[in-house]
C-alpha atoms as a PDB file:
ATOM      1  CA  MET A   1      87.448 113.643  94.724  1.00  0.00           C
ATOM      2  CA  LYS A   2      90.069 111.016  93.511  1.00  0.00           C
ATOM      3  CA  THR A   3      92.883 113.729  94.919  1.00  0.00           C
ATOM      4  CA  LEU A   4      90.926 114.497  97.557  1.00  0.00           C
ATOM      5  CA  LEU A   5      90.316 110.865  98.995  1.00  0.00           C
ATOM      6  CA  TRP A   6      93.403 109.212  97.817  1.00  0.00           C
ATOM      7  CA  GLY A   7      95.862 112.473  97.878  1.00  0.00           C
ATOM      8  CA  ALA A   8      94.689 114.441 100.177  1.00  0.00           C
ATOM      9  CA  LEU A   9      92.365 112.650 103.062  1.00  0.00           C
ATOM     10  CA  PRO A  10      95.220 110.147 104.423  1.00  0.00           C
ATOM     11  CA  TYR A  11      97.700 113.069 105.113  1.00  0.00           C
ATOM     12  CA  ILE A  12      94.814 114.995 106.911  1.00  0.00           C
ATOM     13  CA  ALA A  13      93.921 111.879 108.942  1.00  0.00           C
ATOM     14  CA  PHE A  14      97.479 111.472 109.847  1.00  0.00           C
ATOM     15  CA  VAL A  15      97.548 115.060 110.489  1.00  0.00           C
ATOM     16  CA  LEU A  16      95.005 114.891 113.039  1.00  0.00           C
ATOM     17  CA  LEU A  17      96.027 111.904 114.436  1.00  0.00           C
ATOM     18  CA  VAL A  18      99.136 112.876 115.249  1.00  0.00           C
ATOM     19  CA  ALA A  19      98.670 116.189 116.517  1.00  0.00           C
ATOM     20  CA  GLY A  20      95.107 115.673 117.958  1.00  0.00           C
ATOM     21  CA  THR A  21      97.163 112.831 120.071  1.00  0.00           C
ATOM     22  CA  VAL A  22      99.882 115.291 121.309  1.00  0.00           C
ATOM     23  CA  TRP A  23      96.898 118.090 122.087  1.00  0.00           C
ATOM     24  CA  ARG A  24      95.114 115.501 123.678  1.00  0.00           C
ATOM     25  CA  TYR A  25      98.198 114.610 126.208  1.00  0.00           C
ATOM     26  CA  ARG A  26      99.292 118.341 126.579  1.00  0.00           C
ATOM     27  CA  TYR A  27      95.774 119.569 127.643  1.00  0.00           C
ATOM     28  CA  ASP A  28      93.382 116.938 128.552  1.00  0.00           C
ATOM     29  CA  LYS A  29      95.417 114.188 130.880  1.00  0.00           C
ATOM     30  CA  PHE A  30      92.878 113.539 132.829  1.00  0.00           C
ATOM     31  CA  GLY A  31      90.515 112.830 130.311  1.00  0.00           C
ATOM     32  CA  TRP A  32      93.508 110.474 128.614  1.00  0.00           C
ATOM     33  CA  THR A  33      91.080 107.442 129.656  1.00  0.00           C
ATOM     34  CA  THR A  34      88.697 104.474 128.309  1.00  0.00           C
ATOM     35  CA  ARG A  35      86.025 105.805 131.094  1.00  0.00           C
ATOM     36  CA  SER A  36      85.749 102.321 132.186  1.00  0.00           C
ATOM     37  CA  SER A  37      82.329 101.029 132.690  1.00  0.00           C
ATOM     38  CA  GLN A  38      83.498  97.657 134.673  1.00  0.00           C
ATOM     39  CA  VAL A  39      81.904  99.195 138.214  1.00  0.00           C
ATOM     40  CA  TYR A  40      78.479  99.025 136.583  1.00  0.00           C
ATOM     41  CA  GLU A  41      78.760  95.865 134.772  1.00  0.00           C
ATOM     42  CA  SER A  42      81.747  93.025 134.575  1.00  0.00           C
ATOM     43  CA  LYS A  43      80.152  89.481 133.467  1.00  0.00           C
ATOM     44  CA  LEU A  44      79.556  90.239 130.267  1.00  0.00           C
ATOM     45  CA  LEU A  45      82.373  92.777 129.834  1.00  0.00           C
ATOM     46  CA  ASN A  46      84.877  90.227 130.661  1.00  0.00           C
ATOM     47  CA  ILE A  47      83.559  88.233 127.627  1.00  0.00           C
ATOM     48  CA  ALA A  48      82.926  90.840 124.825  1.00  0.00           C
ATOM     49  CA  SER A  49      86.092  93.020 126.359  1.00  0.00           C
ATOM     50  CA  PRO A  50      88.999  90.454 125.436  1.00  0.00           C
ATOM     51  CA  MET A  51      87.003  89.157 122.291  1.00  0.00           C
ATOM     52  CA  PHE A  52      87.140  92.917 121.097  1.00  0.00           C
ATOM     53  CA  HIS A  53      90.493  93.464 121.432  1.00  0.00           C
ATOM     54  CA  TYR A  54      92.094  90.164 120.271  1.00  0.00           C
ATOM     55  CA  GLY A  55      90.258  90.345 117.387  1.00  0.00           C
ATOM     56  CA  ILE A  56      90.990  94.050 116.339  1.00  0.00           C
ATOM     57  CA  LEU A  57      94.696  92.941 117.126  1.00  0.00           C
ATOM     58  CA  PHE A  58      94.743  90.265 114.693  1.00  0.00           C
ATOM     59  CA  VAL A  59      92.932  92.056 111.962  1.00  0.00           C
ATOM     60  CA  LEU A  60      95.431  94.976 112.678  1.00  0.00           C
ATOM     61  CA  VAL A  61      98.226  92.888 112.281  1.00  0.00           C
ATOM     62  CA  GLY A  62      96.738  91.663 109.055  1.00  0.00           C
ATOM     63  CA  HIS A  63      96.361  95.026 107.625  1.00  0.00           C
ATOM     64  CA  LEU A  64      99.746  96.119 108.386  1.00  0.00           C
ATOM     65  CA  VAL A  65     100.981  92.597 106.347  1.00  0.00           C
ATOM     66  CA  GLY A  66      98.714  92.778 103.239  1.00  0.00           C
ATOM     67  CA  LEU A  67      98.994  96.943 102.869  1.00  0.00           C
ATOM     68  CA  PHE A  68     102.750  97.087 103.813  1.00  0.00           C
ATOM     69  CA  LEU A  69     104.514  93.681 102.930  1.00  0.00           C
ATOM     70  CA  PRO A  70     105.196  93.647  99.147  1.00  0.00           C
ATOM     71  CA  MET A  71     104.149  90.705  97.278  1.00  0.00           C
ATOM     72  CA  SER A  72     107.662  89.833  96.449  1.00  0.00           C
ATOM     73  CA  TRP A  73     108.641  89.528  99.984  1.00  0.00           C
ATOM     74  CA  THR A  74     105.978  86.754 100.583  1.00  0.00           C
ATOM     75  CA  GLU A  75     106.778  84.904  97.513  1.00  0.00           C
ATOM     76  CA  GLY A  76     110.149  85.048  98.233  1.00  0.00           C
ATOM     77  CA  PHE A  77     109.052  83.048 101.571  1.00  0.00           C
ATOM     78  CA  GLY A  78     107.463  80.454  99.194  1.00  0.00           C
ATOM     79  CA  VAL A  79     104.063  81.917  99.852  1.00  0.00           C
ATOM     80  CA  ASP A  80     101.934  82.252  95.969  1.00  0.00           C
ATOM     81  CA  GLU A  81      98.791  84.433  96.224  1.00  0.00           C
ATOM     82  CA  HIS A  82      96.871  81.771  95.946  1.00  0.00           C
ATOM     83  CA  THR A  83      98.150  80.497  99.607  1.00  0.00           C
ATOM     84  CA  TYR A  84      98.349  84.171 100.803  1.00  0.00           C
ATOM     85  CA  HIS A  85      94.580  84.829  99.633  1.00  0.00           C
ATOM     86  CA  LEU A  86      93.474  81.328 101.671  1.00  0.00           C
ATOM     87  CA  PHE A  87      95.048  82.186 104.266  1.00  0.00           C
ATOM     88  CA  SER A  88      93.893  85.863 104.496  1.00  0.00           C
ATOM     89  CA  LEU A  89      90.075  84.651 103.813  1.00  0.00           C
ATOM     90  CA  TYR A  90      90.267  82.334 106.525  1.00  0.00           C
ATOM     91  CA  GLY A  91      92.501  83.847 108.959  1.00  0.00           C
ATOM     92  CA  GLY A  92      91.278  87.838 108.324  1.00  0.00           C
ATOM     93  CA  THR A  93      87.398  85.902 108.158  1.00  0.00           C
ATOM     94  CA  ALA A  94      88.256  84.105 111.621  1.00  0.00           C
ATOM     95  CA  ALA A  95      89.374  87.094 113.028  1.00  0.00           C
ATOM     96  CA  GLY A  96      86.751  89.172 111.625  1.00  0.00           C
ATOM     97  CA  VAL A  97      83.719  87.321 112.868  1.00  0.00           C
ATOM     98  CA  LEU A  98      85.763  87.470 116.676  1.00  0.00           C
ATOM     99  CA  LEU A  99      85.815  91.103 116.172  1.00  0.00           C
ATOM    100  CA  VAL A 100      82.366  91.471 115.294  1.00  0.00           C
ATOM    101  CA  LEU A 101      80.970  89.514 117.788  1.00  0.00           C
ATOM    102  CA  GLY A 102      82.875  91.514 120.268  1.00  0.00           C
ATOM    103  CA  ILE A 103      81.661  94.986 119.496  1.00  0.00           C
ATOM    104  CA  LEU A 104      78.124  93.405 119.210  1.00  0.00           C
ATOM    105  CA  LEU A 105      78.245  91.948 122.992  1.00  0.00           C
ATOM    106  CA  LEU A 106      80.073  95.614 123.809  1.00  0.00           C
ATOM    107  CA  LEU A 107      77.116  97.331 121.852  1.00  0.00           C
ATOM    108  CA  TYR A 108      74.280  95.012 123.484  1.00  0.00           C
ATOM    109  CA  ARG A 109      75.627  95.873 126.901  1.00  0.00           C
ATOM    110  CA  ARG A 110      75.715  99.380 126.482  1.00  0.00           C
ATOM    111  CA  ARG A 111      72.632  99.481 125.407  1.00  0.00           C
ATOM    112  CA  THR A 112      70.768  97.253 128.204  1.00  0.00           C
ATOM    113  CA  ASN A 113      72.400  97.883 130.916  1.00  0.00           C
ATOM    114  CA  THR A 114      71.096 101.533 132.323  1.00  0.00           C
ATOM    115  CA  PRO A 115      73.971 102.506 134.220  1.00  0.00           C
ATOM    116  CA  VAL A 116      76.161 101.847 131.644  1.00  0.00           C
ATOM    117  CA  PHE A 117      74.001 103.641 128.815  1.00  0.00           C
ATOM    118  CA  ARG A 118      73.804 106.815 131.034  1.00  0.00           C
ATOM    119  CA  ALA A 119      77.383 107.132 131.118  1.00  0.00           C
ATOM    120  CA  THR A 120      77.691 106.873 127.273  1.00  0.00           C
ATOM    121  CA  THR A 121      78.522 110.179 125.574  1.00  0.00           C
ATOM    122  CA  ALA A 122      77.468 111.764 121.928  1.00  0.00           C
ATOM    123  CA  ASN A 123      81.343 111.255 121.466  1.00  0.00           C
ATOM    124  CA  ASP A 124      80.822 107.584 122.558  1.00  0.00           C
ATOM    125  CA  LYS A 125      78.308 106.811 120.007  1.00  0.00           C
ATOM    126  CA  LEU A 126      79.912 108.305 117.464  1.00  0.00           C
ATOM    127  CA  MET A 127      82.866 106.582 117.608  1.00  0.00           C
ATOM    128  CA  TYR A 128      81.222 103.275 117.847  1.00  0.00           C
ATOM    129  CA  LEU A 129      79.076 103.859 114.789  1.00  0.00           C
ATOM    130  CA  VAL A 130      82.030 104.708 112.564  1.00  0.00           C
ATOM    131  CA  LEU A 131      84.215 101.789 114.305  1.00  0.00           C
ATOM    132  CA  PHE A 132      80.973  99.863 113.602  1.00  0.00           C
ATOM    133  CA  ALA A 133      80.777 100.724 110.121  1.00  0.00           C
ATOM    134  CA  ALA A 134      84.730 100.327 109.339  1.00  0.00           C
ATOM    135  CA  ILE A 135      84.710  96.427 110.589  1.00  0.00           C
ATOM    136  CA  VAL A 136      81.428  95.571 109.086  1.00  0.00           C
ATOM    137  CA  LEU A 137      82.596  97.215 105.469  1.00  0.00           C
ATOM    138  CA  GLY A 138      86.286  95.423 105.872  1.00  0.00           C
ATOM    139  CA  MET A 139      83.932  91.924 106.248  1.00  0.00           C
ATOM    140  CA  VAL A 140      81.611  92.714 103.544  1.00  0.00           C
ATOM    141  CA  ALA A 141      83.975  94.075 101.063  1.00  0.00           C
ATOM    142  CA  LYS A 142      86.529  90.991 101.895  1.00  0.00           C
ATOM    143  CA  LEU A 143      82.818  88.702 101.657  1.00  0.00           C
ATOM    144  CA  THR A 144      81.918  89.458  98.517  1.00  0.00           C
ATOM    145  CA  HIS A 145      85.334  89.256  96.675  1.00  0.00           C
ATOM    146  CA  THR A 146      85.860  85.861  97.393  1.00  0.00           C
ATOM    147  CA  SER A 147      85.547  84.034  94.168  1.00  0.00           C
ATOM    148  CA  GLY A 148      88.537  82.362  92.241  1.00  0.00           C
ATOM    149  CA  ASP A 149      91.751  84.155  94.103  1.00  0.00           C
ATOM    150  CA  GLY A 150      89.224  87.051  94.974  1.00  0.00           C
ATOM    151  CA  TYR A 151      90.224  90.486  94.738  1.00  0.00           C
ATOM    152  CA  ASN A 152      94.027  91.133  94.743  1.00  0.00           C
ATOM    153  CA  TYR A 153      94.406  94.681  96.944  1.00  0.00           C
ATOM    154  CA  ARG A 154      97.979  94.060  97.139  1.00  0.00           C
ATOM    155  CA  GLU A 155      98.222  95.053  93.567  1.00  0.00           C
ATOM    156  CA  SER A 156      96.553  98.517  93.789  1.00  0.00           C
ATOM    157  CA  ILE A 157      95.878  99.443  97.756  1.00  0.00           C
ATOM    158  CA  GLY A 158      99.046  98.077  98.969  1.00  0.00           C
ATOM    159  CA  PRO A 159     101.261 100.104  96.354  1.00  0.00           C
ATOM    160  CA  TRP A 160      99.273 103.060  97.245  1.00  0.00           C
ATOM    161  CA  ALA A 161      99.074 102.570 100.915  1.00  0.00           C
ATOM    162  CA  ARG A 162     103.368 102.343 100.372  1.00  0.00           C
ATOM    163  CA  SER A 163     103.396 105.237  98.354  1.00  0.00           C
ATOM    164  CA  LEU A 164     101.933 107.665 100.799  1.00  0.00           C
ATOM    165  CA  PHE A 165     105.639 107.548 102.665  1.00  0.00           C
ATOM    166  CA  THR A 166     107.106 109.319  99.676  1.00  0.00           C
ATOM    167  CA  LEU A 167     104.752 112.176 100.001  1.00  0.00           C
ATOM    168  CA  ARG A 168     104.323 111.294  96.111  1.00  0.00           C
ATOM    169  CA  PRO A 169     100.963 109.243  96.314  1.00  0.00           C
ATOM    170  CA  ASP A 170     100.201 107.007  93.609  1.00  0.00           C
ATOM    171  CA  ILE A 171      96.408 107.884  93.675  1.00  0.00           C
ATOM    172  CA  ASP A 172      96.493 105.723  90.117  1.00  0.00           C
ATOM    173  CA  ARG A 173      96.456 102.740  91.414  1.00  0.00           C
ATOM    174  CA  MET A 174      93.104 103.011  93.491  1.00  0.00           C
ATOM    175  CA  THR A 175      91.208 103.026  89.631  1.00  0.00           C
ATOM    176  CA  GLY A 176      89.395 100.016  89.805  1.00  0.00           C
ATOM    177  CA  VAL A 177      89.221  99.256  93.282  1.00  0.00           C
ATOM    178  CA  PRO A 178      86.036  98.026  93.990  1.00  0.00           C
ATOM    179  CA  LEU A 179      83.617 100.437  95.550  1.00  0.00           C
ATOM    180  CA  LEU A 180      83.226  98.145  99.067  1.00  0.00           C
ATOM    181  CA  TYR A 181      86.954  98.737  99.408  1.00  0.00           C
ATOM    182  CA  GLU A 182      86.907 102.194  98.866  1.00  0.00           C
ATOM    183  CA  ILE A 183      84.177 103.145 101.128  1.00  0.00           C
ATOM    184  CA  HIS A 184      86.229 100.999 103.926  1.00  0.00           C
ATOM    185  CA  ALA A 185      89.318 102.690 103.165  1.00  0.00           C
ATOM    186  CA  VAL A 186      87.801 106.219 103.462  1.00  0.00           C
ATOM    187  CA  VAL A 187      85.842 104.910 106.740  1.00  0.00           C
ATOM    188  CA  GLY A 188      89.127 103.602 108.193  1.00  0.00           C
ATOM    189  CA  MET A 189      90.659 106.912 107.790  1.00  0.00           C
ATOM    190  CA  VAL A 190      87.909 108.889 109.261  1.00  0.00           C
ATOM    191  CA  LEU A 191      88.554 106.511 112.346  1.00  0.00           C
ATOM    192  CA  PHE A 192      91.994 107.052 112.687  1.00  0.00           C
ATOM    193  CA  ALA A 193      91.244 110.638 112.746  1.00  0.00           C
ATOM    194  CA  LEU A 194      88.882 110.676 115.616  1.00  0.00           C
ATOM    195  CA  ILE A 195      91.179 108.019 118.216  1.00  0.00           C
ATOM    196  CA  PRO A 196      92.644 111.147 119.525  1.00  0.00           C
ATOM    197  CA  PHE A 197      89.255 113.003 120.559  1.00  0.00           C
ATOM    198  CA  THR A 198      87.475 109.256 121.917  1.00  0.00           C
ATOM    199  CA  ARG A 199      88.096 107.016 124.234  1.00  0.00           C
ATOM    200  CA  LEU A 200      90.217 105.229 121.915  1.00  0.00           C
ATOM    201  CA  VAL A 201      93.427 107.255 122.568  1.00  0.00           C
ATOM    202  CA  HIS A 202      93.977 104.605 125.211  1.00  0.00           C
ATOM    203  CA  MET A 203      95.124 102.352 122.812  1.00  0.00           C
ATOM    204  CA  PHE A 204      98.580 104.736 122.914  1.00  0.00           C
ATOM    205  CA  SER A 205      99.178 104.153 126.770  1.00  0.00           C
ATOM    206  CA  ALA A 206     101.510 101.990 127.584  1.00  0.00           C
ATOM    207  CA  PRO A 207     102.549 101.797 131.683  1.00  0.00           C
ATOM    208  CA  VAL A 208     106.239 102.406 130.743  1.00  0.00           C
ATOM    209  CA  GLN A 209     106.882 103.873 134.210  1.00  0.00           C
ATOM    210  CA  TYR A 210     105.751 100.901 135.770  1.00  0.00           C
ATOM    211  CA  LEU A 211     109.105  99.166 134.892  1.00  0.00           C
ATOM    212  CA  PHE A 212     111.075 101.849 136.734  1.00  0.00           C
ATOM    213  CA  ARG A 213     108.977 102.659 139.594  1.00  0.00           C
ATOM    214  CA  PRO A 214     110.730 101.805 143.036  1.00  0.00           C
ATOM    215  CA  TYR A 215     109.290  98.812 145.335  1.00  0.00           C
ATOM    216  CA  VAL A 216     106.709  98.872 147.351  1.00  0.00           C
ATOM    217  CA  VAL A 217     107.465  97.021 150.694  1.00  0.00           C
ATOM    218  CA  TYR A 218     105.028  95.746 152.500  1.00  0.00           C
ATOM    219  CA  ARG A 219     105.889  94.665 156.201  1.00  0.00           C
ATOM    220  CA  SER A 220     103.412  92.491 158.566  1.00  0.00           C
ATOM    221  CA  LYS A 221     103.437  93.854 162.267  1.00  0.00           C
ATOM    222  CA  ASP A 222     105.546  91.283 164.613  1.00  0.00           C
ATOM    223  CA  PRO A 223     103.270  90.062 167.376  1.00  0.00           C
ATOM    224  CA  SER A 224     105.657  89.596 169.946  1.00  0.00           C
ATOM    225  CA  ARG A 225     106.725  93.309 169.581  1.00  0.00           C
ATOM    226  CA  VAL A 226     103.212  94.383 169.880  1.00  0.00           C
ATOM    227  CA  GLY A 227     103.345  96.904 173.089  1.00  0.00           C
ATOM    228  CA  ALA A 228     106.970  96.861 173.602  1.00  0.00           C
ATOM    229  CA  ARG A 229     107.458 100.170 172.912  1.00  0.00           C
ATOM    230  CA  PRO A 230     104.940 103.409 171.638  1.00  0.00           C
ATOM    231  CA  GLU A 231     103.860 103.499 168.250  1.00  0.00           C
ATOM    232  CA  ARG A 232     105.538 107.394 166.586  1.00  0.00           C
ATOM    233  CA  ARG A 233     104.392 108.824 163.806  1.00  0.00           C
ATOM    234  CA  GLY A 234     106.702 109.278 160.702  1.00  0.00           C
ATOM    235  CA  TRP A 235     109.186 107.486 158.545  1.00  0.00           C
ATOM    236  CA  GLU A 236     111.402 105.058 160.052  1.00  0.00           C
ATOM    237  CA  ARG A 237     114.690 103.360 159.262  1.00  0.00           C
ATOM    238  CA  THR A 238     114.896 100.089 157.426  1.00  0.00           C
ATOM    239  CA  GLY A 239     115.180  97.350 160.056  1.00  0.00           C
ATOM    240  CA  SER A 240     114.961  99.892 162.870  1.00  0.00           C
END
């Protein structure tokens, strides 16, 4: 079980993430969307959506720093473990609260607004369940181990996560990791595996073509020239 969870599951999740995203892009481009329900309700969405997206962005950055930035690097910048723990605790808790409030409002909106609820698929319900579980478990794990300097996951989970890039996962690093952190990690990997098959795939979208598209020229009709010549269908040379 230890080898399956910490030696195989990360790669399974990664393969599903990459292969699923490629498959979705090739065969389901029209389904590559958030399936926005803003047309049904926008007032609550305009509050909940920014809270959720900013919260998850801050949480993601915190995870990237905590897992993939070695302790020696932060100590080299003069940030000792106690200072890092306090910053992680208060900053991470603030981001987590923002994220939890955002997703709770989104869930409340989706459940109480009839048109929005009718537009919710079984796929959406599974996605919300796994996403909410990952968020709550992370918050509970963090707040449960806050005494002293808290649990230093950068000496266990961090090295394990970085070892995945060498294709030789150091699964022994996960020995002794608190159960809540283990469950959070497993649910997180399941969430990453589900991304390509849910509306969360839109996180990989970027309007790059917008930067290179030709300008759209809008010209108003000159009132003084109205009736000067008959209207002709088709394109006209600019300036004519």
